[in-house]
Amino acid sequence: MTMTQGGPRHFGLFLGAGVAALMARLLASILYGVSASDPLTFATVAGILILLGLVACYLPARRATRTDPVMVLREPAS
């Protein structure tokens, strides 16, 4: 996955945020000291997931740019 192929990541993030918002009462009963509509908690979790998704896209893309394309094409297929 490269940096431009993060569409599924965004879809999953918004779907997860929607499900979390719908299940806010359950979340409020599980998390001590957090109200059912705590925007700071939702924003923090969303930010962490975005950061992890960006790192998951960036590391393989950076590794791919460091390889020599000619050497990769010359290697026999395994």
C-alpha atoms as a PDB file:
ATOM      1  CA  MET A   1       0.000   0.000   0.000  1.00  0.00           C
ATOM      2  CA  THR A   2       1.432   3.358  -0.968  1.00  0.00           C
ATOM      3  CA  MET A   3       0.635   6.810   0.349  1.00  0.00           C
ATOM      4  CA  THR A   4      -2.092   7.370  -2.268  1.00  0.00           C
ATOM      5  CA  GLN A   5      -3.929   4.116  -1.537  1.00  0.00           C
ATOM      6  CA  GLY A   6      -5.282   5.040   1.885  1.00  0.00           C
ATOM      7  CA  GLY A   7      -8.949   5.094   0.847  1.00  0.00           C
ATOM      8  CA  PRO A   8      -9.906   1.917   2.730  1.00  0.00           C
ATOM      9  CA  ARG A   9      -8.202   3.317   5.815  1.00  0.00           C
ATOM     10  CA  HIS A  10     -10.372   6.447   5.699  1.00  0.00           C
ATOM     11  CA  PHE A  11     -13.516   4.425   5.048  1.00  0.00           C
ATOM     12  CA  GLY A  12     -12.790   2.209   8.034  1.00  0.00           C
ATOM     13  CA  LEU A  13     -12.043   5.201  10.211  1.00  0.00           C
ATOM     14  CA  PHE A  14     -15.343   6.922   9.403  1.00  0.00           C
ATOM     15  CA  LEU A  15     -17.300   3.672   9.689  1.00  0.00           C
ATOM     16  CA  GLY A  16     -15.723   2.980  13.070  1.00  0.00           C
ATOM     17  CA  ALA A  17     -16.450   6.507  14.276  1.00  0.00           C
ATOM     18  CA  GLY A  18     -20.069   6.134  13.215  1.00  0.00           C
ATOM     19  CA  VAL A  19     -20.463   2.818  15.000  1.00  0.00           C
ATOM     20  CA  ALA A  20     -18.783   4.252  18.091  1.00  0.00           C
ATOM     21  CA  ALA A  21     -21.142   7.217  18.062  1.00  0.00           C
ATOM     22  CA  LEU A  22     -24.144   4.892  17.774  1.00  0.00           C
ATOM     23  CA  MET A  23     -22.905   2.783  20.657  1.00  0.00           C
ATOM     24  CA  ALA A  24     -22.031   5.765  22.864  1.00  0.00           C
ATOM     25  CA  ARG A  25     -24.125   4.535  25.787  1.00  0.00           C
ATOM     26  CA  LEU A  26     -22.241   1.247  25.872  1.00  0.00           C
ATOM     27  CA  LEU A  27     -18.930   3.081  25.667  1.00  0.00           C
ATOM     28  CA  ALA A  28     -19.931   5.381  28.511  1.00  0.00           C
ATOM     29  CA  SER A  29     -20.753   2.418  30.741  1.00  0.00           C
ATOM     30  CA  ILE A  30     -17.409   0.716  29.957  1.00  0.00           C
ATOM     31  CA  LEU A  31     -15.094   3.744  30.189  1.00  0.00           C
ATOM     32  CA  TYR A  32     -14.864   5.255  33.654  1.00  0.00           C
ATOM     33  CA  GLY A  33     -15.119   9.034  33.760  1.00  0.00           C
ATOM     34  CA  VAL A  34     -16.001   9.477  30.066  1.00  0.00           C
ATOM     35  CA  SER A  35     -19.374  10.850  29.019  1.00  0.00           C
ATOM     36  CA  ALA A  36     -21.400   9.296  26.220  1.00  0.00           C
ATOM     37  CA  SER A  37     -20.562  12.139  23.823  1.00  0.00           C
ATOM     38  CA  ASP A  38     -16.971  12.967  24.761  1.00  0.00           C
ATOM     39  CA  PRO A  39     -15.513  14.583  21.612  1.00  0.00           C
ATOM     40  CA  LEU A  40     -11.971  14.599  22.990  1.00  0.00           C
ATOM     41  CA  THR A  41     -11.956  10.807  23.296  1.00  0.00           C
ATOM     42  CA  PHE A  42     -13.339  10.307  19.790  1.00  0.00           C
ATOM     43  CA  ALA A  43     -10.882  12.817  18.301  1.00  0.00           C
ATOM     44  CA  THR A  44      -7.921  11.301  20.138  1.00  0.00           C
ATOM     45  CA  VAL A  45      -8.718   7.780  18.979  1.00  0.00           C
ATOM     46  CA  ALA A  46      -9.314   8.992  15.417  1.00  0.00           C
ATOM     47  CA  GLY A  47      -6.001  10.865  15.447  1.00  0.00           C
ATOM     48  CA  ILE A  48      -4.122   7.810  16.693  1.00  0.00           C
ATOM     49  CA  LEU A  49      -5.696   5.615  14.013  1.00  0.00           C
ATOM     50  CA  ILE A  50      -4.862   8.146  11.290  1.00  0.00           C
ATOM     51  CA  LEU A  51      -1.270   8.331  12.491  1.00  0.00           C
ATOM     52  CA  LEU A  52      -0.932   4.543  12.544  1.00  0.00           C
ATOM     53  CA  GLY A  53      -2.437   4.302   9.067  1.00  0.00           C
ATOM     54  CA  LEU A  54      -0.013   6.887   7.709  1.00  0.00           C
ATOM     55  CA  VAL A  55       2.950   5.053   9.227  1.00  0.00           C
ATOM     56  CA  ALA A  56       1.661   1.757   7.812  1.00  0.00           C
ATOM     57  CA  CYS A  57       1.545   3.340   4.348  1.00  0.00           C
ATOM     58  CA  TYR A  58       4.792   5.283   4.638  1.00  0.00           C
ATOM     59  CA  LEU A  59       7.167   2.531   5.736  1.00  0.00           C
ATOM     60  CA  PRO A  60       6.606   0.153   2.776  1.00  0.00           C
ATOM     61  CA  ALA A  61       6.588   3.102   0.348  1.00  0.00           C
ATOM     62  CA  ARG A  62       9.918   4.340   1.712  1.00  0.00           C
ATOM     63  CA  ARG A  63      11.392   0.846   1.477  1.00  0.00           C
ATOM     64  CA  ALA A  64      10.197   0.513  -2.118  1.00  0.00           C
ATOM     65  CA  THR A  65      11.883   3.771  -3.119  1.00  0.00           C
ATOM     66  CA  ARG A  66      15.239   2.556  -1.789  1.00  0.00           C
ATOM     67  CA  THR A  67      15.417  -0.482  -4.050  1.00  0.00           C
ATOM     68  CA  ASP A  68      17.042  -0.388  -7.463  1.00  0.00           C
ATOM     69  CA  PRO A  69      14.349  -1.193 -10.071  1.00  0.00           C
ATOM     70  CA  VAL A  70      16.880  -2.682 -12.498  1.00  0.00           C
ATOM     71  CA  MET A  71      18.156  -5.138  -9.897  1.00  0.00           C
ATOM     72  CA  VAL A  72      14.629  -6.169  -8.941  1.00  0.00           C
ATOM     73  CA  LEU A  73      13.698  -6.812 -12.578  1.00  0.00           C
ATOM     74  CA  ARG A  74      16.843  -8.878 -13.153  1.00  0.00           C
ATOM     75  CA  GLU A  75      16.206 -11.226 -10.239  1.00  0.00           C
ATOM     76  CA  PRO A  76      14.706 -14.567 -11.256  1.00  0.00           C
ATOM     77  CA  ALA A  77      11.135 -15.144 -10.230  1.00  0.00           C
ATOM     78  CA  SER A  78      10.799 -17.459  -7.253  1.00  0.00           C
END
